[in-house]
Amino acid sequence: MYIIKVKGKAKIPDYIQIRDENFVLVAYFRADRPLKKIEKFGLEGKEAELEQLIKELPFGKLKKLSL
């Protein structure tokens, strides 16, 4: 899976996209709110690590998600 942070403009907030190996969008959520149903993506128990990654992730840079 891959993760990318998208910069919002004006009243639109920053968003996070999680994409699978074929770059199909599997999750799309606000960067300032936790991901709901995280177990659906096999990331349960890794919420703190994912939150830290989101804080450090630069905008617009696609990164391989390996937690």
N, C-alpha and C. Protein backbone atom coordinates (compact mmCIF):
# COMPACT_ATOMS: atom_id res chain seq x y z
N MET A 1 0.84 -1.18 0.00
CA MET A 1 0.00 0.00 0.00
C MET A 1 0.89 1.24 0.00
N TYR A 2 0.29 2.33 -0.46
CA TYR A 2 0.98 3.61 -0.54
C TYR A 2 0.16 4.68 0.18
N ILE A 3 0.85 5.72 0.64
CA ILE A 3 0.19 6.82 1.33
C ILE A 3 0.68 8.14 0.74
N ILE A 4 -0.24 9.10 0.66
CA ILE A 4 0.11 10.43 0.16
C ILE A 4 -0.71 11.45 0.95
N LYS A 5 -0.10 12.57 1.26
CA LYS A 5 -0.75 13.67 1.98
C LYS A 5 -1.05 14.78 0.97
N VAL A 6 -2.31 15.19 0.91
CA VAL A 6 -2.77 16.19 -0.05
C VAL A 6 -3.07 17.49 0.69
N LYS A 7 -2.46 18.57 0.24
CA LYS A 7 -2.63 19.89 0.87
C LYS A 7 -3.98 20.48 0.50
N GLY A 8 -4.73 20.91 1.51
CA GLY A 8 -6.00 21.57 1.28
C GLY A 8 -5.79 23.04 0.96
N LYS A 9 -6.83 23.68 0.45
CA LYS A 9 -6.77 25.11 0.14
C LYS A 9 -7.96 25.80 0.77
N ALA A 10 -7.73 27.00 1.28
CA ALA A 10 -8.78 27.82 1.90
C ALA A 10 -9.54 27.02 2.96
N LYS A 11 -10.80 26.73 2.72
CA LYS A 11 -11.61 26.03 3.71
C LYS A 11 -11.54 24.50 3.58
N ILE A 12 -10.86 24.03 2.57
CA ILE A 12 -10.72 22.59 2.36
C ILE A 12 -9.53 22.09 3.20
N PRO A 13 -9.75 21.11 4.08
CA PRO A 13 -8.66 20.63 4.94
C PRO A 13 -7.67 19.73 4.19
N ASP A 14 -6.54 19.45 4.85
CA ASP A 14 -5.57 18.50 4.32
C ASP A 14 -6.16 17.09 4.40
N TYR A 15 -5.84 16.27 3.41
CA TYR A 15 -6.35 14.91 3.36
C TYR A 15 -5.23 13.90 3.18
N ILE A 16 -5.51 12.67 3.57
CA ILE A 16 -4.61 11.54 3.40
C ILE A 16 -5.28 10.55 2.46
N GLN A 17 -4.52 10.03 1.54
CA GLN A 17 -5.00 8.96 0.65
C GLN A 17 -4.16 7.73 0.89
N ILE A 18 -4.82 6.59 1.01
CA ILE A 18 -4.12 5.31 1.06
C ILE A 18 -4.54 4.55 -0.19
N ARG A 19 -3.54 4.08 -0.94
CA ARG A 19 -3.79 3.39 -2.21
C ARG A 19 -3.14 2.01 -2.17
N ASP A 20 -3.74 1.07 -2.89
CA ASP A 20 -3.20 -0.29 -2.92
C ASP A 20 -2.06 -0.39 -3.92
N GLU A 21 -1.57 -1.59 -4.14
CA GLU A 21 -0.43 -1.82 -5.04
C GLU A 21 -0.71 -1.40 -6.48
N ASN A 22 -1.98 -1.36 -6.88
CA ASN A 22 -2.35 -0.91 -8.22
C ASN A 22 -2.75 0.56 -8.24
N PHE A 23 -2.47 1.27 -7.16
CA PHE A 23 -2.78 2.69 -6.98
C PHE A 23 -4.26 2.99 -6.97
N VAL A 24 -5.08 2.00 -6.64
CA VAL A 24 -6.52 2.20 -6.49
C VAL A 24 -6.75 2.79 -5.09
N LEU A 25 -7.55 3.82 -5.01
CA LEU A 25 -7.84 4.48 -3.75
C LEU A 25 -8.63 3.55 -2.83
N VAL A 26 -8.09 3.26 -1.63
CA VAL A 26 -8.78 2.39 -0.69
C VAL A 26 -9.23 3.14 0.56
N ALA A 27 -8.62 4.29 0.84
CA ALA A 27 -9.03 5.11 1.99
C ALA A 27 -8.70 6.57 1.70
N TYR A 28 -9.58 7.44 2.18
CA TYR A 28 -9.44 8.87 1.96
C TYR A 28 -10.02 9.53 3.20
N PHE A 29 -9.19 10.24 3.98
CA PHE A 29 -9.67 10.83 5.22
C PHE A 29 -8.89 12.09 5.55
N ARG A 30 -9.47 12.90 6.42
CA ARG A 30 -8.82 14.14 6.84
C ARG A 30 -7.58 13.84 7.65
N ALA A 31 -6.55 14.63 7.44
CA ALA A 31 -5.27 14.42 8.13
C ALA A 31 -5.38 14.69 9.62
N ASP A 32 -6.32 15.54 10.03
CA ASP A 32 -6.45 15.89 11.44
C ASP A 32 -7.42 14.99 12.20
N ARG A 33 -7.98 13.99 11.53
CA ARG A 33 -8.92 13.06 12.17
C ARG A 33 -8.43 11.64 11.98
N PRO A 34 -8.58 10.81 12.99
CA PRO A 34 -8.10 9.43 12.85
C PRO A 34 -8.90 8.63 11.84
N LEU A 35 -8.26 7.66 11.27
CA LEU A 35 -8.89 6.77 10.30
C LEU A 35 -9.85 5.83 11.01
N LYS A 36 -11.06 5.75 10.51
CA LYS A 36 -12.07 4.84 11.06
C LYS A 36 -11.91 3.49 10.37
N LYS A 37 -12.25 2.44 11.08
CA LYS A 37 -12.22 1.07 10.54
C LYS A 37 -10.83 0.72 10.00
N ILE A 38 -9.81 1.04 10.77
CA ILE A 38 -8.42 0.80 10.34
C ILE A 38 -8.11 -0.69 10.19
N GLU A 39 -8.85 -1.54 10.90
CA GLU A 39 -8.63 -2.99 10.80
C GLU A 39 -8.94 -3.52 9.40
N LYS A 40 -9.77 -2.79 8.66
CA LYS A 40 -10.13 -3.15 7.29
C LYS A 40 -8.91 -3.18 6.37
N PHE A 41 -7.87 -2.44 6.73
CA PHE A 41 -6.67 -2.34 5.91
C PHE A 41 -5.49 -3.09 6.51
N GLY A 42 -5.73 -3.86 7.57
CA GLY A 42 -4.66 -4.64 8.20
C GLY A 42 -3.72 -3.79 9.02
N LEU A 43 -4.19 -2.64 9.50
CA LEU A 43 -3.34 -1.72 10.26
C LEU A 43 -3.76 -1.60 11.72
N GLU A 44 -4.60 -2.52 12.21
CA GLU A 44 -5.05 -2.43 13.59
C GLU A 44 -3.85 -2.57 14.53
N GLY A 45 -3.88 -1.81 15.61
CA GLY A 45 -2.78 -1.80 16.57
C GLY A 45 -1.63 -0.90 16.16
N LYS A 46 -1.72 -0.25 15.01
CA LYS A 46 -0.64 0.59 14.51
C LYS A 46 -1.09 2.04 14.37
N GLU A 47 -2.13 2.40 15.12
CA GLU A 47 -2.69 3.75 15.02
C GLU A 47 -1.67 4.83 15.37
N ALA A 48 -0.89 4.61 16.45
CA ALA A 48 0.10 5.61 16.88
C ALA A 48 1.19 5.78 15.82
N GLU A 49 1.64 4.67 15.24
CA GLU A 49 2.67 4.73 14.19
C GLU A 49 2.14 5.46 12.95
N LEU A 50 0.90 5.17 12.59
CA LEU A 50 0.28 5.81 11.42
C LEU A 50 0.11 7.31 11.67
N GLU A 51 -0.31 7.68 12.87
CA GLU A 51 -0.48 9.09 13.21
C GLU A 51 0.85 9.83 13.13
N GLN A 52 1.92 9.22 13.62
CA GLN A 52 3.25 9.84 13.57
C GLN A 52 3.72 9.97 12.12
N LEU A 53 3.48 8.96 11.32
CA LEU A 53 3.85 9.00 9.90
C LEU A 53 3.13 10.14 9.19
N ILE A 54 1.84 10.31 9.48
CA ILE A 54 1.05 11.37 8.85
C ILE A 54 1.60 12.74 9.22
N LYS A 55 2.01 12.92 10.46
CA LYS A 55 2.57 14.21 10.90
C LYS A 55 3.87 14.53 10.17
N GLU A 56 4.69 13.50 9.93
CA GLU A 56 6.01 13.71 9.32
C GLU A 56 5.98 13.68 7.79
N LEU A 57 4.91 13.17 7.21
CA LEU A 57 4.81 13.01 5.76
C LEU A 57 4.73 14.37 5.05
N PRO A 58 5.60 14.61 4.09
CA PRO A 58 5.51 15.88 3.33
C PRO A 58 4.33 15.83 2.37
N PHE A 59 3.80 16.98 2.04
CA PHE A 59 2.68 17.07 1.10
C PHE A 59 3.11 16.66 -0.30
N GLY A 60 2.24 15.90 -0.97
CA GLY A 60 2.44 15.57 -2.36
C GLY A 60 3.48 14.50 -2.65
N LYS A 61 4.03 13.87 -1.63
CA LYS A 61 5.05 12.83 -1.85
C LYS A 61 4.44 11.46 -1.58
N LEU A 62 4.41 10.62 -2.60
CA LEU A 62 3.91 9.27 -2.49
C LEU A 62 4.93 8.43 -1.74
N LYS A 63 4.47 7.68 -0.72
CA LYS A 63 5.38 6.89 0.08
C LYS A 63 4.81 5.50 0.26
N LYS A 64 5.68 4.49 0.17
CA LYS A 64 5.29 3.10 0.42
C LYS A 64 4.94 2.99 1.89
N LEU A 65 3.75 2.46 2.17
CA LEU A 65 3.27 2.33 3.55
C LEU A 65 3.75 1.00 4.10
N SER A 66 4.68 1.07 5.03
CA SER A 66 5.21 -0.14 5.66
C SER A 66 5.33 0.11 7.16
N LEU A 67 4.32 -0.34 7.89
CA LEU A 67 4.30 -0.17 9.35
C LEU A 67 4.48 -1.50 10.03
